[in-house]
Amino acid sequence: MSDVPAATLLPLDEALLRASEENALPSYYQSSVRPLLRDPEGRWPSCCGGGCEPCAQTLTRVAVRALELMGTPRQAPLPDF
């Protein structure tokens, strides 16, 4: 169950924008998060330790938060943050 009240659930684009802002992810990286939202229970990338920009951890945080804001939180185990 989401921690966001039903009256404030957001559509995908708004949830992605807000989650990106909350996690300081520039808007031009939102297209990297969308595949995670299309497969919310799928296998997600994890940090490789290579200093990538953006880091897979950041993309995962944004995706998790966007799913929460949409009222469809991820149920599968999450990659380590």
Protein backbone atom coordinates (compact mmCIF):
# COMPACT_ATOMS: atom_id res chain seq x y z
CA MET A 1 0.00 0.00 0.00
CA SER A 2 1.25 3.48 -0.85
CA ASP A 3 2.00 6.15 1.74
CA VAL A 4 0.36 8.71 -0.57
CA PRO A 5 -3.34 9.40 0.10
CA ALA A 6 -5.60 8.29 -2.77
CA ALA A 7 -6.77 11.86 -3.34
CA THR A 8 -3.20 12.92 -4.15
CA LEU A 9 -2.12 10.05 -6.43
CA LEU A 10 -0.34 11.42 -9.47
CA PRO A 11 -0.38 10.42 -13.14
CA LEU A 12 2.87 9.03 -14.53
CA ASP A 13 4.34 12.24 -15.96
CA GLU A 14 3.66 14.26 -12.82
CA ALA A 15 4.91 11.48 -10.54
CA LEU A 16 8.09 11.15 -12.57
CA LEU A 17 8.68 14.92 -12.50
CA ARG A 18 8.14 15.15 -8.75
CA ALA A 19 10.26 12.08 -8.00
CA SER A 20 13.03 13.48 -10.19
CA GLU A 21 12.94 16.80 -8.40
CA GLU A 22 12.95 15.12 -4.97
CA ASN A 23 16.04 13.12 -5.96
CA ALA A 24 17.84 15.91 -7.84
CA LEU A 25 17.69 14.04 -11.14
CA PRO A 26 17.82 16.43 -14.11
CA SER A 27 14.73 16.17 -16.31
CA TYR A 28 16.75 15.05 -19.34
CA TYR A 29 17.42 11.74 -17.55
CA GLN A 30 13.74 10.94 -17.03
CA SER A 31 13.74 8.83 -20.19
CA SER A 32 16.18 6.51 -18.40
CA VAL A 33 13.65 5.95 -15.61
CA ARG A 34 10.63 5.22 -17.83
CA PRO A 35 11.66 1.63 -18.69
CA LEU A 36 11.77 0.86 -14.96
CA LEU A 37 8.24 2.18 -14.56
CA ARG A 38 7.03 0.02 -17.45
CA ASP A 39 8.43 -3.06 -15.71
CA PRO A 40 8.00 -2.25 -12.02
CA GLU A 41 8.55 -5.82 -10.82
CA GLY A 42 11.31 -6.63 -13.29
CA ARG A 43 15.04 -6.82 -12.78
CA TRP A 44 16.48 -3.35 -12.27
CA PRO A 45 20.10 -2.28 -12.65
CA SER A 46 22.30 -1.77 -9.63
CA CYS A 47 25.29 0.48 -9.04
CA CYS A 48 28.45 -0.75 -10.75
CA GLY A 49 30.74 1.51 -8.73
CA GLY A 50 32.09 3.11 -11.88
CA GLY A 51 30.98 6.67 -11.15
CA CYS A 52 28.32 6.71 -13.87
CA GLU A 53 26.16 9.79 -14.30
CA PRO A 54 23.45 9.24 -13.44
CA CYS A 55 24.10 6.31 -11.16
CA ALA A 56 21.70 3.37 -11.40
CA GLN A 57 20.95 3.94 -7.70
CA THR A 58 19.58 7.39 -8.49
CA LEU A 59 17.43 6.03 -11.32
CA THR A 60 16.12 3.34 -8.99
CA ARG A 61 15.31 5.85 -6.25
CA VAL A 62 13.40 8.00 -8.71
CA ALA A 63 11.49 5.01 -10.08
CA VAL A 64 10.59 3.74 -6.60
CA ARG A 65 9.34 7.18 -5.58
CA ALA A 66 7.38 7.69 -8.80
CA LEU A 67 5.65 4.33 -8.32
CA GLU A 68 4.76 5.34 -4.76
CA LEU A 69 3.33 8.65 -5.97
CA MET A 70 1.22 6.79 -8.54
CA GLY A 71 -0.08 4.41 -5.89
CA THR A 72 1.62 1.35 -7.38
CA PRO A 73 4.67 0.74 -5.18
CA ARG A 74 7.17 -1.90 -6.22
CA GLN A 75 6.54 -5.28 -4.58
CA ALA A 76 9.65 -7.17 -5.73
CA PRO A 77 12.81 -6.92 -3.67
CA LEU A 78 14.62 -3.69 -4.35
CA PRO A 79 18.22 -3.40 -5.47
CA ASP A 80 20.50 -2.21 -2.68
CA PHE A 81 20.63 1.55 -2.43
